[in-house]
Amino acid sequence: MLRKQKPVQDSFVRMTELVLPNDTNTLNNLMGGRMMHLMDVCAAISAQRHSNRIVVTASVDNVSFREGIKLGSVVTLESQVTRSFSSSMEVHINVWAEDIPSGTKIKSNEAFLTFVAVDQSGRPIDVPDAVPSTEEEIALYEGALRRRQLRLVLGGRMNPHEATELKALFELE
């Protein structure tokens, strides 16, 4: 049976937040936990748009904080599903920090999050196939299986010898 298909651009989300005093640490920078919360919310909305289901966060890949985001900055998060599997979806997110008075904007974070669609009882449920259309969407889609296998191996949920997409990375001639 063919699964329903859905364009990845239908899952696009852009969220904008102002960094307020309650969001900052003692150095007046956005707290890392607050940033991760915003990233999780934005990416979850993308996964919900793609699946039309309740979603739960399954994993977050390597969130690195490049520079502190100062009090008063505007934070813009953009996310989109890159690929879906049976019940899971990989979501790519970019985060920018903008200092409006100075006119500067920097990319502060980038990550991949995985969500699982669940039914009302909390059991995983099938999601539509993600269909990429732009060059960037296609590149992210093509790398998603490799990233998924790496997550599963590192999480102890897949035997490294079964990770077909990873073998080429580690085989020496």
N, C-alpha and C. Protein backbone atom coordinates (compact mmCIF):
# COMPACT_ATOMS: atom_id res chain seq x y z
N MET A 1 0.84 -1.19 0.00
CA MET A 1 0.00 0.00 0.00
C MET A 1 0.88 1.25 0.00
N LEU A 2 0.60 2.17 -0.90
CA LEU A 2 1.37 3.41 -0.98
C LEU A 2 0.95 4.36 0.12
N ARG A 3 1.96 4.95 0.73
CA ARG A 3 1.67 5.97 1.75
C ARG A 3 1.34 7.28 1.07
N LYS A 4 0.57 8.08 1.75
CA LYS A 4 0.26 9.42 1.27
C LYS A 4 1.58 10.20 1.14
N GLN A 5 1.64 11.14 0.23
CA GLN A 5 2.82 11.97 0.05
C GLN A 5 2.47 13.42 0.35
N LYS A 6 3.48 14.14 0.83
CA LYS A 6 3.26 15.55 1.16
C LYS A 6 4.55 16.32 0.87
N PRO A 7 4.46 17.48 0.20
CA PRO A 7 5.67 18.27 -0.07
C PRO A 7 6.29 18.76 1.25
N VAL A 8 7.63 18.73 1.31
CA VAL A 8 8.28 19.17 2.55
C VAL A 8 8.03 20.65 2.82
N GLN A 9 7.86 21.46 1.77
CA GLN A 9 7.64 22.90 2.01
C GLN A 9 6.33 23.17 2.76
N ASP A 10 5.40 22.21 2.74
CA ASP A 10 4.16 22.38 3.50
C ASP A 10 4.40 22.37 5.01
N SER A 11 5.56 21.88 5.43
CA SER A 11 5.88 21.80 6.86
C SER A 11 6.70 23.00 7.34
N PHE A 12 6.99 23.96 6.46
CA PHE A 12 7.83 25.10 6.82
C PHE A 12 7.20 25.93 7.93
N VAL A 13 8.03 26.29 8.92
CA VAL A 13 7.60 27.14 10.04
C VAL A 13 8.66 28.22 10.26
N ARG A 14 8.21 29.44 10.45
CA ARG A 14 9.10 30.54 10.86
C ARG A 14 8.52 31.14 12.14
N MET A 15 9.35 31.17 13.17
CA MET A 15 8.94 31.73 14.46
C MET A 15 9.90 32.86 14.81
N THR A 16 9.39 33.92 15.40
CA THR A 16 10.23 35.04 15.81
C THR A 16 9.94 35.36 17.27
N GLU A 17 11.02 35.54 18.03
CA GLU A 17 10.92 35.84 19.46
C GLU A 17 11.86 36.99 19.80
N LEU A 18 11.48 37.78 20.78
CA LEU A 18 12.33 38.83 21.31
C LEU A 18 12.95 38.31 22.60
N VAL A 19 14.27 38.49 22.76
CA VAL A 19 14.94 38.03 23.98
C VAL A 19 14.68 39.06 25.08
N LEU A 20 13.93 38.62 26.08
CA LEU A 20 13.54 39.47 27.21
C LEU A 20 14.37 39.14 28.44
N PRO A 21 14.37 39.99 29.46
CA PRO A 21 15.19 39.74 30.65
C PRO A 21 14.95 38.37 31.29
N ASN A 22 13.72 37.89 31.30
CA ASN A 22 13.42 36.61 31.91
C ASN A 22 14.03 35.43 31.14
N ASP A 23 14.45 35.66 29.89
CA ASP A 23 15.03 34.62 29.04
C ASP A 23 16.54 34.53 29.15
N THR A 24 17.16 35.42 29.94
CA THR A 24 18.62 35.54 29.91
C THR A 24 19.28 35.02 31.19
N ASN A 25 20.58 34.76 31.04
CA ASN A 25 21.40 34.38 32.19
C ASN A 25 22.02 35.63 32.80
N THR A 26 22.94 35.47 33.73
CA THR A 26 23.54 36.62 34.42
C THR A 26 24.47 37.43 33.52
N LEU A 27 24.80 36.92 32.34
CA LEU A 27 25.61 37.68 31.38
C LEU A 27 24.74 38.38 30.34
N ASN A 28 23.42 38.37 30.56
CA ASN A 28 22.45 38.96 29.64
C ASN A 28 22.43 38.30 28.27
N ASN A 29 22.75 37.00 28.24
CA ASN A 29 22.64 36.20 27.02
C ASN A 29 21.44 35.26 27.15
N LEU A 30 20.84 34.94 26.03
CA LEU A 30 19.74 33.98 26.01
C LEU A 30 20.22 32.65 26.61
N MET A 31 19.46 32.12 27.56
CA MET A 31 19.83 30.84 28.19
C MET A 31 19.72 29.71 27.17
N GLY A 32 20.67 28.78 27.22
CA GLY A 32 20.69 27.65 26.30
C GLY A 32 19.43 26.81 26.38
N GLY A 33 18.92 26.60 27.58
CA GLY A 33 17.70 25.83 27.74
C GLY A 33 16.50 26.50 27.10
N ARG A 34 16.46 27.82 27.18
CA ARG A 34 15.37 28.57 26.54
C ARG A 34 15.47 28.44 25.02
N MET A 35 16.71 28.50 24.50
CA MET A 35 16.92 28.34 23.06
C MET A 35 16.46 26.95 22.62
N MET A 36 16.82 25.92 23.38
CA MET A 36 16.43 24.56 23.04
C MET A 36 14.91 24.41 23.09
N HIS A 37 14.26 25.07 24.04
CA HIS A 37 12.80 25.03 24.13
C HIS A 37 12.18 25.62 22.85
N LEU A 38 12.68 26.78 22.43
CA LEU A 38 12.15 27.42 21.22
C LEU A 38 12.37 26.54 19.99
N MET A 39 13.54 25.92 19.91
CA MET A 39 13.85 25.04 18.79
C MET A 39 12.90 23.83 18.77
N ASP A 40 12.64 23.26 19.93
CA ASP A 40 11.76 22.10 20.04
C ASP A 40 10.34 22.46 19.62
N VAL A 41 9.86 23.62 20.05
CA VAL A 41 8.50 24.05 19.69
C VAL A 41 8.38 24.28 18.19
N CYS A 42 9.32 25.01 17.62
CA CYS A 42 9.28 25.32 16.19
C CYS A 42 9.33 24.03 15.36
N ALA A 43 10.26 23.15 15.68
CA ALA A 43 10.41 21.89 14.93
C ALA A 43 9.19 20.99 15.11
N ALA A 44 8.61 20.98 16.31
CA ALA A 44 7.42 20.15 16.54
C ALA A 44 6.25 20.63 15.68
N ILE A 45 6.13 21.92 15.49
CA ILE A 45 5.05 22.44 14.64
C ILE A 45 5.25 21.95 13.20
N SER A 46 6.51 21.95 12.73
CA SER A 46 6.79 21.42 11.39
C SER A 46 6.36 19.96 11.29
N ALA A 47 6.72 19.16 12.29
CA ALA A 47 6.36 17.74 12.28
C ALA A 47 4.85 17.55 12.33
N GLN A 48 4.17 18.37 13.11
CA GLN A 48 2.70 18.29 13.18
C GLN A 48 2.07 18.67 11.84
N ARG A 49 2.60 19.71 11.20
CA ARG A 49 2.07 20.11 9.90
C ARG A 49 2.23 18.99 8.88
N HIS A 50 3.36 18.29 8.95
CA HIS A 50 3.59 17.22 7.98
C HIS A 50 2.69 16.02 8.25
N SER A 51 2.55 15.66 9.50
CA SER A 51 1.86 14.41 9.85
C SER A 51 0.37 14.59 10.17
N ASN A 52 -0.03 15.82 10.47
CA ASN A 52 -1.39 16.08 10.95
C ASN A 52 -1.70 15.23 12.18
N ARG A 53 -0.71 15.05 13.02
CA ARG A 53 -0.82 14.22 14.22
C ARG A 53 -0.15 14.89 15.40
N ILE A 54 -0.41 14.33 16.59
CA ILE A 54 0.35 14.69 17.78
C ILE A 54 1.75 14.12 17.57
N VAL A 55 2.77 14.87 17.95
CA VAL A 55 4.14 14.38 17.81
C VAL A 55 4.88 14.49 19.13
N VAL A 56 5.86 13.61 19.30
CA VAL A 56 6.73 13.66 20.47
C VAL A 56 8.17 13.72 19.99
N THR A 57 9.01 14.42 20.73
CA THR A 57 10.42 14.54 20.39
C THR A 57 11.12 13.23 20.70
N ALA A 58 11.83 12.69 19.71
CA ALA A 58 12.57 11.44 19.89
C ALA A 58 14.06 11.69 20.07
N SER A 59 14.61 12.69 19.38
CA SER A 59 16.03 12.99 19.53
C SER A 59 16.35 14.38 19.01
N VAL A 60 17.45 14.90 19.51
CA VAL A 60 17.99 16.19 19.06
C VAL A 60 19.46 15.96 18.76
N ASP A 61 19.87 16.31 17.55
CA ASP A 61 21.28 16.16 17.17
C ASP A 61 22.07 17.41 17.53
N ASN A 62 23.17 17.24 18.17
CA ASN A 62 24.22 18.21 18.36
C ASN A 62 23.81 19.68 18.21
N VAL A 63 23.37 20.28 19.29
CA VAL A 63 23.08 21.71 19.28
C VAL A 63 24.32 22.43 19.81
N SER A 64 24.96 23.20 18.94
CA SER A 64 26.13 23.97 19.34
C SER A 64 25.74 25.45 19.40
N PHE A 65 26.23 26.11 20.41
CA PHE A 65 25.95 27.53 20.57
C PHE A 65 27.17 28.31 20.10
N ARG A 66 27.05 28.91 18.92
CA ARG A 66 28.20 29.58 18.30
C ARG A 66 28.57 30.89 18.99
N GLU A 67 27.55 31.71 19.28
CA GLU A 67 27.78 32.99 19.94
C GLU A 67 26.61 33.26 20.88
N GLY A 68 26.88 34.02 21.93
CA GLY A 68 25.79 34.39 22.82
C GLY A 68 24.80 35.30 22.10
N ILE A 69 23.53 35.14 22.43
CA ILE A 69 22.49 35.99 21.86
C ILE A 69 22.06 36.96 22.96
N LYS A 70 22.28 38.21 22.72
CA LYS A 70 22.11 39.25 23.75
C LYS A 70 20.66 39.62 24.02
N LEU A 71 20.44 40.09 25.22
CA LEU A 71 19.16 40.66 25.63
C LEU A 71 18.73 41.70 24.60
N GLY A 72 17.49 41.67 24.19
CA GLY A 72 16.97 42.62 23.21
C GLY A 72 17.09 42.17 21.77
N SER A 73 17.81 41.07 21.54
CA SER A 73 17.95 40.55 20.17
C SER A 73 16.64 39.91 19.72
N VAL A 74 16.47 39.85 18.42
CA VAL A 74 15.33 39.16 17.82
C VAL A 74 15.86 37.81 17.31
N VAL A 75 15.20 36.74 17.74
CA VAL A 75 15.60 35.39 17.35
C VAL A 75 14.58 34.87 16.34
N THR A 76 15.06 34.42 15.20
CA THR A 76 14.19 33.84 14.16
C THR A 76 14.57 32.39 13.97
N LEU A 77 13.59 31.52 14.08
CA LEU A 77 13.79 30.07 13.91
C LEU A 77 13.01 29.64 12.67
N GLU A 78 13.64 28.83 11.83
CA GLU A 78 12.99 28.29 10.65
C GLU A 78 13.21 26.78 10.61
N SER A 79 12.11 26.04 10.46
CA SER A 79 12.22 24.59 10.45
C SER A 79 11.37 24.00 9.34
N GLN A 80 11.74 22.77 8.96
CA GLN A 80 11.02 22.06 7.91
C GLN A 80 11.37 20.58 7.99
N VAL A 81 10.41 19.73 7.74
CA VAL A 81 10.67 18.29 7.68
C VAL A 81 11.61 18.03 6.51
N THR A 82 12.63 17.20 6.72
CA THR A 82 13.54 16.86 5.63
C THR A 82 13.20 15.51 5.01
N ARG A 83 12.74 14.58 5.87
CA ARG A 83 12.38 13.25 5.39
C ARG A 83 11.53 12.57 6.46
N SER A 84 10.66 11.68 6.00
CA SER A 84 9.87 10.90 6.94
C SER A 84 10.14 9.43 6.72
N PHE A 85 9.96 8.68 7.79
CA PHE A 85 10.13 7.23 7.73
C PHE A 85 8.76 6.64 8.08
N SER A 86 8.63 5.52 8.74
CA SER A 86 7.28 5.00 8.98
C SER A 86 6.48 5.95 9.85
N SER A 87 6.92 6.17 11.07
CA SER A 87 6.19 7.06 11.98
C SER A 87 7.05 8.24 12.42
N SER A 88 8.31 8.26 12.01
CA SER A 88 9.21 9.33 12.45
C SER A 88 9.49 10.32 11.33
N MET A 89 9.88 11.52 11.74
CA MET A 89 10.22 12.58 10.81
C MET A 89 11.46 13.29 11.30
N GLU A 90 12.40 13.53 10.39
CA GLU A 90 13.56 14.35 10.71
C GLU A 90 13.20 15.79 10.33
N VAL A 91 13.50 16.72 11.23
CA VAL A 91 13.23 18.14 11.01
C VAL A 91 14.54 18.90 11.12
N HIS A 92 14.82 19.75 10.12
CA HIS A 92 16.00 20.60 10.13
C HIS A 92 15.58 21.98 10.62
N ILE A 93 16.41 22.58 11.47
CA ILE A 93 16.09 23.91 11.99
C ILE A 93 17.32 24.80 11.94
N ASN A 94 17.12 26.04 11.53
CA ASN A 94 18.14 27.09 11.55
C ASN A 94 17.66 28.20 12.47
N VAL A 95 18.60 28.80 13.18
CA VAL A 95 18.27 29.88 14.12
C VAL A 95 19.19 31.07 13.84
N TRP A 96 18.58 32.24 13.70
CA TRP A 96 19.32 33.47 13.50
C TRP A 96 19.06 34.43 14.65
N ALA A 97 20.09 35.20 14.98
CA ALA A 97 19.96 36.26 15.99
C ALA A 97 20.18 37.59 15.29
N GLU A 98 19.27 38.53 15.55
CA GLU A 98 19.35 39.82 14.88
C GLU A 98 19.38 40.94 15.91
N ASP A 99 20.36 41.81 15.75
CA ASP A 99 20.43 43.03 16.56
C ASP A 99 19.91 44.14 15.66
N ILE A 100 18.67 44.50 15.84
CA ILE A 100 18.03 45.45 14.93
C ILE A 100 18.70 46.82 14.94
N PRO A 101 19.03 47.40 16.13
CA PRO A 101 19.66 48.73 16.11
C PRO A 101 20.98 48.77 15.31
N SER A 102 21.77 47.69 15.38
CA SER A 102 23.05 47.70 14.66
C SER A 102 22.92 47.17 13.24
N GLY A 103 21.78 46.54 12.94
CA GLY A 103 21.58 45.99 11.60
C GLY A 103 22.35 44.71 11.34
N THR A 104 22.74 43.98 12.40
CA THR A 104 23.50 42.74 12.21
C THR A 104 22.60 41.52 12.43
N LYS A 105 22.90 40.49 11.67
CA LYS A 105 22.16 39.23 11.78
C LYS A 105 23.16 38.10 11.61
N ILE A 106 23.15 37.15 12.59
CA ILE A 106 24.07 36.02 12.52
C ILE A 106 23.30 34.71 12.66
N LYS A 107 23.83 33.67 12.04
CA LYS A 107 23.26 32.34 12.24
C LYS A 107 23.85 31.82 13.55
N SER A 108 22.98 31.53 14.51
CA SER A 108 23.48 31.14 15.82
C SER A 108 23.41 29.64 16.07
N ASN A 109 22.47 28.95 15.46
CA ASN A 109 22.30 27.52 15.72
C ASN A 109 21.75 26.82 14.49
N GLU A 110 22.01 25.52 14.43
CA GLU A 110 21.43 24.65 13.41
C GLU A 110 21.37 23.27 14.03
N ALA A 111 20.31 22.54 13.77
CA ALA A 111 20.20 21.20 14.34
C ALA A 111 19.20 20.37 13.55
N PHE A 112 19.24 19.08 13.80
CA PHE A 112 18.23 18.14 13.30
C PHE A 112 17.54 17.55 14.51
N LEU A 113 16.22 17.53 14.48
CA LEU A 113 15.43 16.92 15.54
C LEU A 113 14.59 15.83 14.91
N THR A 114 14.33 14.78 15.66
CA THR A 114 13.48 13.70 15.18
C THR A 114 12.23 13.64 16.04
N PHE A 115 11.09 13.53 15.38
CA PHE A 115 9.80 13.43 16.05
C PHE A 115 9.10 12.16 15.60
N VAL A 116 8.27 11.63 16.48
CA VAL A 116 7.45 10.47 16.16
C VAL A 116 5.99 10.90 16.28
N ALA A 117 5.21 10.57 15.25
CA ALA A 117 3.77 10.84 15.29
C ALA A 117 3.10 9.73 16.09
N VAL A 118 2.17 10.13 16.95
CA VAL A 118 1.49 9.14 17.79
C VAL A 118 -0.03 9.33 17.70
N ASP A 119 -0.75 8.24 17.99
CA ASP A 119 -2.21 8.33 18.04
C ASP A 119 -2.63 8.80 19.44
N GLN A 120 -3.91 8.82 19.69
CA GLN A 120 -4.42 9.32 20.97
C GLN A 120 -3.98 8.48 22.17
N SER A 121 -3.56 7.25 21.92
CA SER A 121 -3.08 6.38 23.00
C SER A 121 -1.57 6.45 23.16
N GLY A 122 -0.91 7.27 22.34
CA GLY A 122 0.54 7.41 22.44
C GLY A 122 1.31 6.38 21.64
N ARG A 123 0.64 5.61 20.80
CA ARG A 123 1.33 4.61 19.97
C ARG A 123 1.74 5.24 18.64
N PRO A 124 2.94 4.88 18.14
CA PRO A 124 3.40 5.42 16.85
C PRO A 124 2.39 5.13 15.74
N ILE A 125 2.28 6.08 14.83
CA ILE A 125 1.33 5.97 13.73
C ILE A 125 2.02 6.43 12.44
N ASP A 126 1.67 5.82 11.32
CA ASP A 126 2.30 6.15 10.04
C ASP A 126 2.11 7.62 9.66
N VAL A 127 3.12 8.14 8.96
CA VAL A 127 3.07 9.52 8.49
C VAL A 127 3.27 9.53 6.97
N PRO A 128 2.87 10.62 6.30
CA PRO A 128 3.07 10.70 4.85
C PRO A 128 4.55 10.72 4.48
N ASP A 129 4.85 10.27 3.28
CA ASP A 129 6.21 10.41 2.74
C ASP A 129 6.47 11.89 2.49
N ALA A 130 7.68 12.34 2.77
CA ALA A 130 8.08 13.72 2.50
C ALA A 130 8.63 13.80 1.09
N VAL A 131 8.17 14.76 0.32
CA VAL A 131 8.59 14.91 -1.07
C VAL A 131 9.34 16.23 -1.22
N PRO A 132 10.68 16.16 -1.43
CA PRO A 132 11.46 17.39 -1.60
C PRO A 132 11.33 17.91 -3.03
N SER A 133 11.55 19.23 -3.20
CA SER A 133 11.48 19.78 -4.56
C SER A 133 12.68 20.66 -4.91
N THR A 134 13.22 21.44 -3.98
CA THR A 134 14.36 22.30 -4.29
C THR A 134 15.66 21.52 -4.12
N GLU A 135 16.76 22.09 -4.63
CA GLU A 135 18.07 21.43 -4.49
C GLU A 135 18.43 21.23 -3.02
N GLU A 136 18.19 22.24 -2.20
CA GLU A 136 18.50 22.14 -0.78
C GLU A 136 17.64 21.06 -0.11
N GLU A 137 16.36 21.04 -0.42
CA GLU A 137 15.47 20.01 0.15
C GLU A 137 15.92 18.61 -0.26
N ILE A 138 16.32 18.45 -1.51
CA ILE A 138 16.77 17.15 -2.01
C ILE A 138 18.06 16.72 -1.30
N ALA A 139 18.99 17.65 -1.13
CA ALA A 139 20.25 17.33 -0.44
C ALA A 139 19.98 16.91 1.01
N LEU A 140 19.12 17.62 1.70
CA LEU A 140 18.78 17.26 3.09
C LEU A 140 18.06 15.91 3.13
N TYR A 141 17.17 15.67 2.19
CA TYR A 141 16.44 14.40 2.10
C TYR A 141 17.42 13.25 1.89
N GLU A 142 18.36 13.41 0.97
CA GLU A 142 19.30 12.34 0.65
C GLU A 142 20.22 12.01 1.82
N GLY A 143 20.56 12.98 2.65
CA GLY A 143 21.42 12.73 3.80
C GLY A 143 20.68 12.22 5.03
N ALA A 144 19.36 12.26 5.00
CA ALA A 144 18.57 11.93 6.18
C ALA A 144 18.69 10.47 6.61
N LEU A 145 18.76 9.54 5.67
CA LEU A 145 18.86 8.13 6.04
C LEU A 145 20.19 7.85 6.75
N ARG A 146 21.27 8.48 6.27
CA ARG A 146 22.57 8.33 6.91
C ARG A 146 22.53 8.88 8.34
N ARG A 147 21.93 10.09 8.50
CA ARG A 147 21.83 10.68 9.84
C ARG A 147 20.97 9.82 10.75
N ARG A 148 19.89 9.26 10.20
CA ARG A 148 19.00 8.39 10.99
C ARG A 148 19.74 7.15 11.47
N GLN A 149 20.47 6.51 10.57
CA GLN A 149 21.20 5.31 10.96
C GLN A 149 22.25 5.62 12.01
N LEU A 150 22.92 6.76 11.89
CA LEU A 150 23.91 7.16 12.89
C LEU A 150 23.23 7.36 14.25
N ARG A 151 22.07 8.03 14.28
CA ARG A 151 21.33 8.21 15.53
C ARG A 151 20.97 6.87 16.16
N LEU A 152 20.49 5.94 15.33
CA LEU A 152 20.07 4.63 15.83
C LEU A 152 21.26 3.83 16.35
N VAL A 153 22.39 3.89 15.66
CA VAL A 153 23.59 3.18 16.12
C VAL A 153 24.07 3.78 17.45
N LEU A 154 24.17 5.11 17.50
CA LEU A 154 24.64 5.76 18.73
C LEU A 154 23.68 5.55 19.89
N GLY A 155 22.41 5.42 19.59
CA GLY A 155 21.40 5.19 20.63
C GLY A 155 21.25 3.72 21.01
N GLY A 156 22.05 2.84 20.38
CA GLY A 156 21.99 1.42 20.70
C GLY A 156 20.76 0.72 20.15
N ARG A 157 20.10 1.33 19.17
CA ARG A 157 18.89 0.74 18.61
C ARG A 157 19.13 0.08 17.26
N MET A 158 20.38 0.14 16.76
CA MET A 158 20.73 -0.51 15.51
C MET A 158 22.14 -1.05 15.62
N ASN A 159 22.34 -2.24 15.13
CA ASN A 159 23.66 -2.84 15.08
C ASN A 159 24.48 -2.08 14.03
N PRO A 160 25.70 -1.65 14.34
CA PRO A 160 26.51 -0.92 13.36
C PRO A 160 26.67 -1.66 12.03
N HIS A 161 26.68 -2.98 12.08
CA HIS A 161 26.85 -3.76 10.85
C HIS A 161 25.62 -3.69 9.95
N GLU A 162 24.49 -3.28 10.50
CA GLU A 162 23.25 -3.15 9.71
C GLU A 162 23.09 -1.75 9.12
N ALA A 163 23.95 -0.83 9.49
CA ALA A 163 23.85 0.56 9.04
C ALA A 163 24.46 0.69 7.64
N THR A 164 23.70 0.32 6.66
CA THR A 164 24.18 0.28 5.27
C THR A 164 24.68 1.63 4.78
N GLU A 165 24.03 2.70 5.19
CA GLU A 165 24.42 4.03 4.73
C GLU A 165 25.73 4.51 5.37
N LEU A 166 26.09 3.92 6.50
CA LEU A 166 27.29 4.35 7.21
C LEU A 166 28.53 3.55 6.79
N LYS A 167 28.32 2.37 6.24
CA LYS A 167 29.45 1.50 5.90
C LYS A 167 30.45 2.20 4.98
N ALA A 168 29.99 2.92 4.00
CA ALA A 168 30.87 3.61 3.05
C ALA A 168 31.73 4.65 3.75
N LEU A 169 31.25 5.21 4.85
CA LEU A 169 32.03 6.22 5.58
C LEU A 169 33.22 5.61 6.31
N PHE A 170 33.11 4.32 6.68
CA PHE A 170 34.13 3.71 7.52
C PHE A 170 34.96 2.63 6.83
N GLU A 171 34.56 2.22 5.63
CA GLU A 171 35.32 1.19 4.93
C GLU A 171 36.56 1.79 4.32
N LEU A 172 37.68 1.14 4.57
CA LEU A 172 38.95 1.59 4.00
C LEU A 172 39.35 0.63 2.89
N GLU A 173 39.92 1.16 1.85
CA GLU A 173 40.34 0.31 0.73
C GLU A 173 41.69 -0.31 1.00
